[in-house]
Amino acid sequence: MRIQYRHLLPIAVLALSATFSQAAELSSDGKAAIPRDVQQLIVVDYRAMQNSTAAMDLKERVLPPELKRLETALKNAKLNVDKDADVLAFAAFRDSGAEGTKIVGIAQGQFQTQAILAGFAKSKTKPLVVRNNNIYPMGSAGMSVAFLNQTTMVFGDRSAVKSALDARDGIIPNFLSNGEMVNEMKAVDQRAIWSLLDAKGTQTMMKSVLGDAAQLTDYDTVRNRMKSSRYTMDFDNGVKFDLAVVMSDTLTAATCATLMKGMVIMKKTSGSPLEKTALDRTTIDSNSGTLTVDYSSSDSEFASLLTSSLFQSVVK
């Protein structure tokens, strides 16, 4: 499965809410069930998302098809994810034994595990047994689910779920052995919405964000020096978005900041007054080898921005 990424503002608003009071933290089992070679990890406070009508409407606008498919499969299997899930995560990872990238979903919450398993038994749904694990098919969509414990399930294509179980059981390296990503996670996992990207994911994201500016010669110079990135979004007081892109050196970070500032100038020349205001509220800087992008606005300004051509160009 090849993943079509939508980055920056769109993916960050997967769980839009007027207030966020809890952190979207993955449990130890959840982290261990993610294979080591993660290209992108998105973690959201699902409870907060469910409490916001705006969040659900916005999610339908920006959520990539692959992630919609996983979430829909959970609902169709009547696993009560809307009611029982507290944290929902999606990990896109590279599998050495397959072409492209796979996605596995992780749901954490207080699930009625015994009732769910009884339902599978009643419908004569037979699991695939992998060591001490049972992988259950979810309807005709080709999705499967496995329970790591009473509070954590993994779901996705059967091969992706099997890879997650292999990672959790130590058959293949898991996310916890990825020192760089684990260190990056420490900077964001106390936030309600956060995401991590590796070097390749970061390069893809930045090329999309820069648009025409990415065609400049300087971009080829900086692309291969992008090591990783992370972003968070909060709605405690208006809308606040923070992106950090880790570069290999200070000069590269400064060069990329210059490219992004050039992109902003290009957008301002053709943007609407609303878009120009949004760009004015965006601060681009670099410090100690890290490019930073910060955006903030009121709730109403951000809601209006969603219908703009600027927003549509970002979500493509």
C-alpha atoms as a PDB file:
ATOM      1  CA  MET A   1       0.000   0.000   0.000  1.00  0.00           C
ATOM      2  CA  ARG A   2       1.458   3.367  -0.955  1.00  0.00           C
ATOM      3  CA  ILE A   3       0.461   6.221   1.285  1.00  0.00           C
ATOM      4  CA  GLN A   4      -0.671   9.606  -0.010  1.00  0.00           C
ATOM      5  CA  TYR A   5       0.381  12.032   2.734  1.00  0.00           C
ATOM      6  CA  ARG A   6      -1.452  15.173   3.749  1.00  0.00           C
ATOM      7  CA  HIS A   7       0.636  17.188   6.145  1.00  0.00           C
ATOM      8  CA  LEU A   8       0.995  20.351   8.189  1.00  0.00           C
ATOM      9  CA  LEU A   9      -2.355  21.986   9.040  1.00  0.00           C
ATOM     10  CA  PRO A  10      -4.590  19.206   7.622  1.00  0.00           C
ATOM     11  CA  ILE A  11      -3.194  16.204   9.457  1.00  0.00           C
ATOM     12  CA  ALA A  12      -2.647  18.238  12.591  1.00  0.00           C
ATOM     13  CA  VAL A  13      -6.355  18.959  12.842  1.00  0.00           C
ATOM     14  CA  LEU A  14      -7.414  15.326  12.901  1.00  0.00           C
ATOM     15  CA  ALA A  15      -8.790  15.908  16.367  1.00  0.00           C
ATOM     16  CA  LEU A  16      -9.989  19.501  16.428  1.00  0.00           C
ATOM     17  CA  SER A  17     -11.630  20.444  19.708  1.00  0.00           C
ATOM     18  CA  ALA A  18     -12.494  23.606  21.602  1.00  0.00           C
ATOM     19  CA  THR A  19     -10.664  22.350  24.691  1.00  0.00           C
ATOM     20  CA  PHE A  20      -7.966  19.766  25.277  1.00  0.00           C
ATOM     21  CA  SER A  21      -7.164  18.791  28.840  1.00  0.00           C
ATOM     22  CA  GLN A  22      -5.472  15.409  28.395  1.00  0.00           C
ATOM     23  CA  ALA A  23      -2.356  14.165  26.694  1.00  0.00           C
ATOM     24  CA  ALA A  24      -2.544  11.588  23.919  1.00  0.00           C
ATOM     25  CA  GLU A  25      -0.028   9.109  25.293  1.00  0.00           C
ATOM     26  CA  LEU A  26       0.585   5.653  23.907  1.00  0.00           C
ATOM     27  CA  SER A  27       0.925   2.793  26.389  1.00  0.00           C
ATOM     28  CA  SER A  28       4.035   0.611  26.500  1.00  0.00           C
ATOM     29  CA  ASP A  29       2.167  -2.158  24.655  1.00  0.00           C
ATOM     30  CA  GLY A  30       0.983   0.349  22.064  1.00  0.00           C
ATOM     31  CA  LYS A  31       4.506   1.601  21.399  1.00  0.00           C
ATOM     32  CA  ALA A  32       5.905  -1.939  21.273  1.00  0.00           C
ATOM     33  CA  ALA A  33       3.303  -2.917  18.644  1.00  0.00           C
ATOM     34  CA  ILE A  34       4.657  -0.370  16.162  1.00  0.00           C
ATOM     35  CA  PRO A  35       7.426  -1.708  13.882  1.00  0.00           C
ATOM     36  CA  ARG A  36      10.726   0.145  14.113  1.00  0.00           C
ATOM     37  CA  ASP A  37      10.838   1.702  10.638  1.00  0.00           C
ATOM     38  CA  VAL A  38       8.071   4.254  11.142  1.00  0.00           C
ATOM     39  CA  GLN A  39       7.610   6.860   8.426  1.00  0.00           C
ATOM     40  CA  GLN A  40       4.834   8.739  10.219  1.00  0.00           C
ATOM     41  CA  LEU A  41       3.069   8.331  13.555  1.00  0.00           C
ATOM     42  CA  ILE A  42      -0.104  10.307  14.338  1.00  0.00           C
ATOM     43  CA  VAL A  43      -1.603  10.182  17.840  1.00  0.00           C
ATOM     44  CA  VAL A  44      -4.816  11.961  18.890  1.00  0.00           C
ATOM     45  CA  ASP A  45      -6.992  12.373  21.944  1.00  0.00           C
ATOM     46  CA  TYR A  46     -10.009  10.600  20.439  1.00  0.00           C
ATOM     47  CA  ARG A  47     -12.273  11.474  23.353  1.00  0.00           C
ATOM     48  CA  ALA A  48     -11.748  15.179  22.780  1.00  0.00           C
ATOM     49  CA  MET A  49     -12.387  14.748  19.067  1.00  0.00           C
ATOM     50  CA  GLN A  50     -15.677  12.971  19.667  1.00  0.00           C
ATOM     51  CA  ASN A  51     -16.847  15.849  21.842  1.00  0.00           C
ATOM     52  CA  SER A  52     -16.538  18.386  19.038  1.00  0.00           C
ATOM     53  CA  THR A  53     -18.888  18.600  16.049  1.00  0.00           C
ATOM     54  CA  ALA A  54     -16.346  20.835  14.320  1.00  0.00           C
ATOM     55  CA  ALA A  55     -13.691  18.171  14.823  1.00  0.00           C
ATOM     56  CA  MET A  56     -15.741  15.494  13.131  1.00  0.00           C
ATOM     57  CA  ASP A  57     -16.659  17.747  10.196  1.00  0.00           C
ATOM     58  CA  LEU A  58     -13.060  18.819   9.725  1.00  0.00           C
ATOM     59  CA  LYS A  59     -11.761  15.280  10.019  1.00  0.00           C
ATOM     60  CA  GLU A  60     -13.979  14.221   7.119  1.00  0.00           C
ATOM     61  CA  ARG A  61     -12.428  17.003   5.046  1.00  0.00           C
ATOM     62  CA  VAL A  62      -8.771  16.170   5.645  1.00  0.00           C
ATOM     63  CA  LEU A  63      -8.416  12.540   6.762  1.00  0.00           C
ATOM     64  CA  PRO A  64      -6.579  10.505   4.072  1.00  0.00           C
ATOM     65  CA  PRO A  65      -8.572   7.608   2.536  1.00  0.00           C
ATOM     66  CA  GLU A  66      -6.308   4.962   4.080  1.00  0.00           C
ATOM     67  CA  LEU A  67      -7.021   6.205   7.607  1.00  0.00           C
ATOM     68  CA  LYS A  68     -10.743   6.586   6.943  1.00  0.00           C
ATOM     69  CA  ARG A  69     -10.804   2.961   5.833  1.00  0.00           C
ATOM     70  CA  LEU A  70      -9.262   1.768   9.096  1.00  0.00           C
ATOM     71  CA  GLU A  71     -11.565   3.846  11.275  1.00  0.00           C
ATOM     72  CA  THR A  72     -14.666   2.805   9.304  1.00  0.00           C
ATOM     73  CA  ALA A  73     -13.711  -0.864   9.645  1.00  0.00           C
ATOM     74  CA  LEU A  74     -13.694  -0.523  13.443  1.00  0.00           C
ATOM     75  CA  LYS A  75     -17.160   1.023  13.433  1.00  0.00           C
ATOM     76  CA  ASN A  76     -18.588  -1.527  10.999  1.00  0.00           C
ATOM     77  CA  ALA A  77     -17.297  -4.327  13.224  1.00  0.00           C
ATOM     78  CA  LYS A  78     -19.326  -2.776  16.091  1.00  0.00           C
ATOM     79  CA  LEU A  79     -16.272  -2.445  18.319  1.00  0.00           C
ATOM     80  CA  ASN A  80     -17.749   0.725  19.884  1.00  0.00           C
ATOM     81  CA  VAL A  81     -14.636   2.769  19.149  1.00  0.00           C
ATOM     82  CA  ASP A  82     -16.713   5.978  19.316  1.00  0.00           C
ATOM     83  CA  LYS A  83     -17.790   5.146  22.860  1.00  0.00           C
ATOM     84  CA  ASP A  84     -14.822   3.295  24.314  1.00  0.00           C
ATOM     85  CA  ALA A  85     -11.658   4.697  22.691  1.00  0.00           C
ATOM     86  CA  ASP A  86      -9.592   7.308  24.521  1.00  0.00           C
ATOM     87  CA  VAL A  87      -6.542   7.438  22.238  1.00  0.00           C
ATOM     88  CA  LEU A  88      -6.323   6.577  18.562  1.00  0.00           C
ATOM     89  CA  ALA A  89      -3.020   6.273  16.699  1.00  0.00           C
ATOM     90  CA  PHE A  90      -2.009   5.513  13.122  1.00  0.00           C
ATOM     91  CA  ALA A  91       1.499   4.404  12.191  1.00  0.00           C
ATOM     92  CA  ALA A  92       2.773   4.237   8.608  1.00  0.00           C
ATOM     93  CA  PHE A  93       5.781   1.939   8.505  1.00  0.00           C
ATOM     94  CA  ARG A  94       8.058   0.307   5.961  1.00  0.00           C
ATOM     95  CA  ASP A  95       8.045  -3.485   5.813  1.00  0.00           C
ATOM     96  CA  SER A  96      11.223  -5.036   4.442  1.00  0.00           C
ATOM     97  CA  GLY A  97       9.242  -7.968   3.082  1.00  0.00           C
ATOM     98  CA  ALA A  98       6.725  -5.887   1.112  1.00  0.00           C
ATOM     99  CA  GLU A  99       6.658  -3.025  -1.368  1.00  0.00           C
ATOM    100  CA  GLY A 100       5.563   0.398  -0.200  1.00  0.00           C
ATOM    101  CA  THR A 101       4.267   1.371   3.225  1.00  0.00           C
ATOM    102  CA  LYS A 102       1.753  -0.275   5.540  1.00  0.00           C
ATOM    103  CA  ILE A 103      -0.538   1.374   8.073  1.00  0.00           C
ATOM    104  CA  VAL A 104      -1.510  -0.080  11.425  1.00  0.00           C
ATOM    105  CA  GLY A 105      -4.010   1.523  13.779  1.00  0.00           C
ATOM    106  CA  ILE A 106      -3.871   1.372  17.579  1.00  0.00           C
ATOM    107  CA  ALA A 107      -6.862   2.087  19.800  1.00  0.00           C
ATOM    108  CA  GLN A 108      -6.608   2.500  23.564  1.00  0.00           C
ATOM    109  CA  GLY A 109      -9.571   2.649  25.922  1.00  0.00           C
ATOM    110  CA  GLN A 110     -11.896   0.648  28.140  1.00  0.00           C
ATOM    111  CA  PHE A 111     -13.145  -1.939  25.662  1.00  0.00           C
ATOM    112  CA  GLN A 112     -15.798  -4.587  26.326  1.00  0.00           C
ATOM    113  CA  THR A 113     -13.328  -7.250  25.241  1.00  0.00           C
ATOM    114  CA  GLN A 114     -15.267 -10.276  26.481  1.00  0.00           C
ATOM    115  CA  ALA A 115     -18.469  -9.109  24.795  1.00  0.00           C
ATOM    116  CA  ILE A 116     -16.593  -8.446  21.554  1.00  0.00           C
ATOM    117  CA  LEU A 117     -14.994 -11.892  21.571  1.00  0.00           C
ATOM    118  CA  ALA A 118     -18.371 -13.458  22.384  1.00  0.00           C
ATOM    119  CA  GLY A 119     -19.785 -11.659  19.355  1.00  0.00           C
ATOM    120  CA  PHE A 120     -17.042 -13.081  17.142  1.00  0.00           C
ATOM    121  CA  ALA A 121     -17.788 -16.551  18.509  1.00  0.00           C
ATOM    122  CA  LYS A 122     -21.536 -16.151  17.953  1.00  0.00           C
ATOM    123  CA  SER A 123     -20.983 -15.144  14.325  1.00  0.00           C
ATOM    124  CA  LYS A 124     -18.542 -18.062  13.949  1.00  0.00           C
ATOM    125  CA  THR A 125     -15.721 -15.716  13.045  1.00  0.00           C
ATOM    126  CA  LYS A 126     -12.540 -17.771  13.104  1.00  0.00           C
ATOM    127  CA  PRO A 127      -9.299 -16.037  14.007  1.00  0.00           C
ATOM    128  CA  LEU A 128      -5.875 -16.481  12.512  1.00  0.00           C
ATOM    129  CA  VAL A 129      -3.689 -17.761  15.351  1.00  0.00           C
ATOM    130  CA  VAL A 130      -0.220 -16.192  15.518  1.00  0.00           C
ATOM    131  CA  ARG A 131       1.681 -17.617  18.497  1.00  0.00           C
ATOM    132  CA  ASN A 132      -0.528 -16.659  21.476  1.00  0.00           C
ATOM    133  CA  ASN A 133      -2.411 -14.020  19.519  1.00  0.00           C
ATOM    134  CA  ASN A 134      -5.727 -14.173  17.671  1.00  0.00           C
ATOM    135  CA  ILE A 135      -6.269 -11.969  14.606  1.00  0.00           C
ATOM    136  CA  TYR A 136      -9.969 -11.560  13.819  1.00  0.00           C
ATOM    137  CA  PRO A 137     -11.290 -10.469  10.411  1.00  0.00           C
ATOM    138  CA  MET A 138     -13.628  -7.457  10.442  1.00  0.00           C
ATOM    139  CA  GLY A 139     -16.329  -7.922   7.819  1.00  0.00           C
ATOM    140  CA  SER A 140     -15.727  -7.814   4.083  1.00  0.00           C
ATOM    141  CA  ALA A 141     -13.453  -4.754   4.029  1.00  0.00           C
ATOM    142  CA  GLY A 142     -10.309  -6.841   4.406  1.00  0.00           C
ATOM    143  CA  MET A 143      -9.512  -5.359   7.809  1.00  0.00           C
ATOM    144  CA  SER A 144      -8.478  -7.337  10.903  1.00  0.00           C
ATOM    145  CA  VAL A 145      -8.140  -6.680  14.624  1.00  0.00           C
ATOM    146  CA  ALA A 146      -6.161  -8.192  17.495  1.00  0.00           C
ATOM    147  CA  PHE A 147      -6.323  -7.408  21.211  1.00  0.00           C
ATOM    148  CA  LEU A 148      -3.016  -6.837  22.987  1.00  0.00           C
ATOM    149  CA  ASN A 149      -4.781  -6.640  26.341  1.00  0.00           C
ATOM    150  CA  GLN A 150      -8.046  -5.364  27.850  1.00  0.00           C
ATOM    151  CA  THR A 151      -7.261  -1.766  26.949  1.00  0.00           C
ATOM    152  CA  THR A 152      -5.326  -1.915  23.663  1.00  0.00           C
ATOM    153  CA  MET A 153      -6.187  -3.234  20.200  1.00  0.00           C
ATOM    154  CA  VAL A 154      -4.348  -3.104  16.875  1.00  0.00           C
ATOM    155  CA  PHE A 155      -6.185  -3.041  13.565  1.00  0.00           C
ATOM    156  CA  GLY A 156      -5.576  -2.749   9.830  1.00  0.00           C
ATOM    157  CA  ASP A 157      -4.800  -5.071   6.923  1.00  0.00           C
ATOM    158  CA  ARG A 158      -4.061  -8.543   8.256  1.00  0.00           C
ATOM    159  CA  SER A 159      -0.418  -8.331   7.187  1.00  0.00           C
ATOM    160  CA  ALA A 160      -0.042  -5.008   9.015  1.00  0.00           C
ATOM    161  CA  VAL A 161      -1.616  -6.431  12.182  1.00  0.00           C
ATOM    162  CA  LYS A 162       0.695  -9.455  11.987  1.00  0.00           C
ATOM    163  CA  SER A 163       3.691  -7.112  11.686  1.00  0.00           C
ATOM    164  CA  ALA A 164       2.445  -5.229  14.759  1.00  0.00           C
ATOM    165  CA  LEU A 165       2.215  -8.477  16.722  1.00  0.00           C
ATOM    166  CA  ASP A 166       5.666  -9.528  15.512  1.00  0.00           C
ATOM    167  CA  ALA A 167       7.003  -6.191  16.785  1.00  0.00           C
ATOM    168  CA  ARG A 168       5.254  -6.501  20.156  1.00  0.00           C
ATOM    169  CA  ASP A 169       6.465 -10.098  20.591  1.00  0.00           C
ATOM    170  CA  GLY A 170      10.079  -9.270  19.720  1.00  0.00           C
ATOM    171  CA  ILE A 171      10.156 -11.147  16.409  1.00  0.00           C
ATOM    172  CA  ILE A 172      11.091  -7.940  14.591  1.00  0.00           C
ATOM    173  CA  PRO A 173      12.484  -4.644  15.986  1.00  0.00           C
ATOM    174  CA  ASN A 174       9.830  -2.277  17.315  1.00  0.00           C
ATOM    175  CA  PHE A 175       9.415   1.463  17.742  1.00  0.00           C
ATOM    176  CA  LEU A 176      11.058   1.440  21.181  1.00  0.00           C
ATOM    177  CA  SER A 177      14.350   0.452  19.520  1.00  0.00           C
ATOM    178  CA  ASN A 178      14.202   3.519  17.255  1.00  0.00           C
ATOM    179  CA  GLY A 179      16.212   5.885  19.439  1.00  0.00           C
ATOM    180  CA  GLU A 180      15.795   8.983  17.259  1.00  0.00           C
ATOM    181  CA  MET A 181      12.002   8.705  17.056  1.00  0.00           C
ATOM    182  CA  VAL A 182      11.649   7.880  20.753  1.00  0.00           C
ATOM    183  CA  ASN A 183      13.665  10.981  21.628  1.00  0.00           C
ATOM    184  CA  GLU A 184      11.491  13.100  19.335  1.00  0.00           C
ATOM    185  CA  MET A 185       8.378  11.669  20.979  1.00  0.00           C
ATOM    186  CA  LYS A 186       9.466  12.966  24.384  1.00  0.00           C
ATOM    187  CA  ALA A 187       9.047  16.510  23.095  1.00  0.00           C
ATOM    188  CA  VAL A 188       5.408  16.053  22.041  1.00  0.00           C
ATOM    189  CA  ASP A 189       3.661  13.128  23.766  1.00  0.00           C
ATOM    190  CA  GLN A 190       2.162  15.299  26.493  1.00  0.00           C
ATOM    191  CA  ARG A 191       0.096  17.114  23.879  1.00  0.00           C
ATOM    192  CA  ALA A 192      -3.411  16.192  22.757  1.00  0.00           C
ATOM    193  CA  ILE A 193      -2.497  15.976  19.062  1.00  0.00           C
ATOM    194  CA  TRP A 194       0.977  15.092  17.899  1.00  0.00           C
ATOM    195  CA  SER A 195       2.806  13.510  15.013  1.00  0.00           C
ATOM    196  CA  LEU A 196       6.320  12.329  14.216  1.00  0.00           C
ATOM    197  CA  LEU A 197       7.884  11.868  10.780  1.00  0.00           C
ATOM    198  CA  ASP A 198      11.176  10.256   9.826  1.00  0.00           C
ATOM    199  CA  ALA A 199      13.560  11.665   7.222  1.00  0.00           C
ATOM    200  CA  LYS A 200      11.666  10.373   4.188  1.00  0.00           C
ATOM    201  CA  GLY A 201       8.297  11.414   5.559  1.00  0.00           C
ATOM    202  CA  THR A 202       9.694  14.843   6.387  1.00  0.00           C
ATOM    203  CA  GLN A 203      11.078  15.284   2.871  1.00  0.00           C
ATOM    204  CA  THR A 204       7.708  14.382   1.341  1.00  0.00           C
ATOM    205  CA  MET A 205       5.846  16.709   3.683  1.00  0.00           C
ATOM    206  CA  MET A 206       8.175  19.658   3.125  1.00  0.00           C
ATOM    207  CA  LYS A 207       8.047  19.302  -0.645  1.00  0.00           C
ATOM    208  CA  SER A 208       4.250  19.457  -0.475  1.00  0.00           C
ATOM    209  CA  VAL A 209       4.282  22.463   1.859  1.00  0.00           C
ATOM    210  CA  LEU A 210       6.825  24.418  -0.178  1.00  0.00           C
ATOM    211  CA  GLY A 211       4.949  23.889  -3.429  1.00  0.00           C
ATOM    212  CA  ASP A 212       6.543  25.836  -6.292  1.00  0.00           C
ATOM    213  CA  ALA A 213       9.371  26.934  -4.003  1.00  0.00           C
ATOM    214  CA  ALA A 214      10.492  23.287  -3.832  1.00  0.00           C
ATOM    215  CA  GLN A 215      11.444  23.503  -7.501  1.00  0.00           C
ATOM    216  CA  LEU A 216      14.235  25.903  -6.628  1.00  0.00           C
ATOM    217  CA  THR A 217      17.796  24.568  -6.709  1.00  0.00           C
ATOM    218  CA  ASP A 218      18.259  25.238  -2.983  1.00  0.00           C
ATOM    219  CA  TYR A 219      15.629  22.635  -2.097  1.00  0.00           C
ATOM    220  CA  ASP A 220      17.699  19.823  -3.603  1.00  0.00           C
ATOM    221  CA  THR A 221      20.544  20.942  -1.363  1.00  0.00           C
ATOM    222  CA  VAL A 222      18.545  20.827   1.862  1.00  0.00           C
ATOM    223  CA  ARG A 223      16.236  17.858   1.186  1.00  0.00           C
ATOM    224  CA  ASN A 224      18.708  15.120   2.017  1.00  0.00           C
ATOM    225  CA  ARG A 225      19.716  16.906   5.219  1.00  0.00           C
ATOM    226  CA  MET A 226      16.252  16.700   6.760  1.00  0.00           C
ATOM    227  CA  LYS A 227      16.485  14.188   9.615  1.00  0.00           C
ATOM    228  CA  SER A 228      13.008  14.183  11.174  1.00  0.00           C
ATOM    229  CA  SER A 229      10.077  16.404  12.123  1.00  0.00           C
ATOM    230  CA  ARG A 230       7.311  16.700  14.673  1.00  0.00           C
ATOM    231  CA  TYR A 231       4.193  18.809  15.047  1.00  0.00           C
ATOM    232  CA  THR A 232       1.486  19.501  17.584  1.00  0.00           C
ATOM    233  CA  MET A 233      -1.775  21.416  17.645  1.00  0.00           C
ATOM    234  CA  ASP A 234      -3.781  22.896  20.513  1.00  0.00           C
ATOM    235  CA  PHE A 235      -7.152  24.586  20.794  1.00  0.00           C
ATOM    236  CA  ASP A 236      -7.071  25.695  24.427  1.00  0.00           C
ATOM    237  CA  ASN A 237      -7.205  29.371  23.482  1.00  0.00           C
ATOM    238  CA  GLY A 238      -7.872  29.767  19.792  1.00  0.00           C
ATOM    239  CA  VAL A 239      -5.795  27.643  17.405  1.00  0.00           C
ATOM    240  CA  LYS A 240      -2.070  27.030  17.837  1.00  0.00           C
ATOM    241  CA  PHE A 241       0.091  24.923  15.544  1.00  0.00           C
ATOM    242  CA  ASP A 242       3.810  24.187  16.046  1.00  0.00           C
ATOM    243  CA  LEU A 243       6.105  22.382  13.609  1.00  0.00           C
ATOM    244  CA  ALA A 244       9.772  21.553  14.158  1.00  0.00           C
ATOM    245  CA  VAL A 245      11.965  20.100  11.397  1.00  0.00           C
ATOM    246  CA  VAL A 246      15.326  18.757  12.570  1.00  0.00           C
ATOM    247  CA  MET A 247      18.158  19.338  10.078  1.00  0.00           C
ATOM    248  CA  SER A 248      21.682  17.968  10.000  1.00  0.00           C
ATOM    249  CA  ASP A 249      23.230  21.397  10.573  1.00  0.00           C
ATOM    250  CA  THR A 250      22.482  25.028  11.379  1.00  0.00           C
ATOM    251  CA  LEU A 251      23.108  26.303   7.840  1.00  0.00           C
ATOM    252  CA  THR A 252      20.613  23.864   6.314  1.00  0.00           C
ATOM    253  CA  ALA A 253      17.923  24.901   8.797  1.00  0.00           C
ATOM    254  CA  ALA A 254      18.518  28.560   7.959  1.00  0.00           C
ATOM    255  CA  THR A 255      18.413  27.833   4.216  1.00  0.00           C
ATOM    256  CA  CYS A 256      15.130  25.960   4.531  1.00  0.00           C
ATOM    257  CA  ALA A 257      13.669  28.787   6.623  1.00  0.00           C
ATOM    258  CA  THR A 258      14.598  31.179   3.829  1.00  0.00           C
ATOM    259  CA  LEU A 259      12.865  28.927   1.280  1.00  0.00           C
ATOM    260  CA  MET A 260       9.709  28.824   3.383  1.00  0.00           C
ATOM    261  CA  LYS A 261       9.710  32.587   3.825  1.00  0.00           C
ATOM    262  CA  GLY A 262      10.014  32.875   0.043  1.00  0.00           C
ATOM    263  CA  MET A 263       7.009  30.576  -0.315  1.00  0.00           C
ATOM    264  CA  VAL A 264       5.018  32.811   2.034  1.00  0.00           C
ATOM    265  CA  ILE A 265       5.862  35.888  -0.055  1.00  0.00           C
ATOM    266  CA  MET A 266       4.746  34.050  -3.217  1.00  0.00           C
ATOM    267  CA  LYS A 267       1.442  33.049  -1.583  1.00  0.00           C
ATOM    268  CA  LYS A 268       0.789  36.582  -0.352  1.00  0.00           C
ATOM    269  CA  THR A 269       0.968  38.008  -3.862  1.00  0.00           C
ATOM    270  CA  SER A 270      -1.973  35.896  -5.023  1.00  0.00           C
ATOM    271  CA  GLY A 271      -3.852  35.174  -1.796  1.00  0.00           C
ATOM    272  CA  SER A 272      -7.108  36.603  -0.529  1.00  0.00           C
ATOM    273  CA  PRO A 273      -7.145  39.031   2.427  1.00  0.00           C
ATOM    274  CA  LEU A 274      -8.041  36.093   4.692  1.00  0.00           C
ATOM    275  CA  GLU A 275      -5.120  34.037   3.418  1.00  0.00           C
ATOM    276  CA  LYS A 276      -2.738  36.961   3.766  1.00  0.00           C
ATOM    277  CA  THR A 277      -3.852  37.375   7.385  1.00  0.00           C
ATOM    278  CA  ALA A 278      -3.204  33.676   8.028  1.00  0.00           C
ATOM    279  CA  LEU A 279       0.281  33.967   6.541  1.00  0.00           C
ATOM    280  CA  ASP A 280       0.957  37.056   8.645  1.00  0.00           C
ATOM    281  CA  ARG A 281       0.138  34.951  11.718  1.00  0.00           C
ATOM    282  CA  THR A 282       2.733  32.350  10.706  1.00  0.00           C
ATOM    283  CA  THR A 283       6.235  32.706  12.146  1.00  0.00           C
ATOM    284  CA  ILE A 284       9.139  30.920  10.462  1.00  0.00           C
ATOM    285  CA  ASP A 285      12.545  30.716  12.118  1.00  0.00           C
ATOM    286  CA  SER A 286      15.549  28.441  12.679  1.00  0.00           C
ATOM    287  CA  ASN A 287      17.595  27.739  15.765  1.00  0.00           C
ATOM    288  CA  SER A 288      20.412  25.260  16.460  1.00  0.00           C
ATOM    289  CA  GLY A 289      19.734  23.232  13.330  1.00  0.00           C
ATOM    290  CA  THR A 290      15.938  23.115  13.722  1.00  0.00           C
ATOM    291  CA  LEU A 291      13.439  24.863  11.457  1.00  0.00           C
ATOM    292  CA  THR A 292      10.350  26.042  13.340  1.00  0.00           C
ATOM    293  CA  VAL A 293       6.954  27.087  12.031  1.00  0.00           C
ATOM    294  CA  ASP A 294       4.364  28.509  14.420  1.00  0.00           C
ATOM    295  CA  TYR A 295       0.818  29.524  13.548  1.00  0.00           C
ATOM    296  CA  SER A 296      -1.930  30.906  15.759  1.00  0.00           C
ATOM    297  CA  SER A 297      -5.362  32.421  15.203  1.00  0.00           C
ATOM    298  CA  SER A 298      -8.817  32.708  16.696  1.00  0.00           C
ATOM    299  CA  ASP A 299     -11.295  29.850  16.223  1.00  0.00           C
ATOM    300  CA  SER A 300     -13.416  31.906  13.816  1.00  0.00           C
ATOM    301  CA  GLU A 301     -10.461  32.935  11.655  1.00  0.00           C
ATOM    302  CA  PHE A 302      -9.301  29.351  11.384  1.00  0.00           C
ATOM    303  CA  ALA A 303     -12.808  28.116  10.496  1.00  0.00           C
ATOM    304  CA  SER A 304     -12.956  30.644   7.647  1.00  0.00           C
ATOM    305  CA  LEU A 305      -9.515  29.595   6.420  1.00  0.00           C
ATOM    306  CA  LEU A 306     -10.689  26.013   5.832  1.00  0.00           C
ATOM    307  CA  THR A 307     -12.692  27.074   2.779  1.00  0.00           C
ATOM    308  CA  SER A 308      -9.863  29.086   1.247  1.00  0.00           C
ATOM    309  CA  SER A 309      -7.812  28.104  -1.798  1.00  0.00           C
ATOM    310  CA  LEU A 310      -4.686  28.267   0.380  1.00  0.00           C
ATOM    311  CA  PHE A 311      -5.996  25.510   2.629  1.00  0.00           C
ATOM    312  CA  GLN A 312      -7.084  23.438  -0.373  1.00  0.00           C
ATOM    313  CA  SER A 313      -3.613  23.712  -1.917  1.00  0.00           C
ATOM    314  CA  VAL A 314      -2.064  22.397   1.309  1.00  0.00           C
ATOM    315  CA  VAL A 315      -4.370  19.362   1.600  1.00  0.00           C
ATOM    316  CA  LYS A 316      -3.723  18.105  -1.938  1.00  0.00           C
END
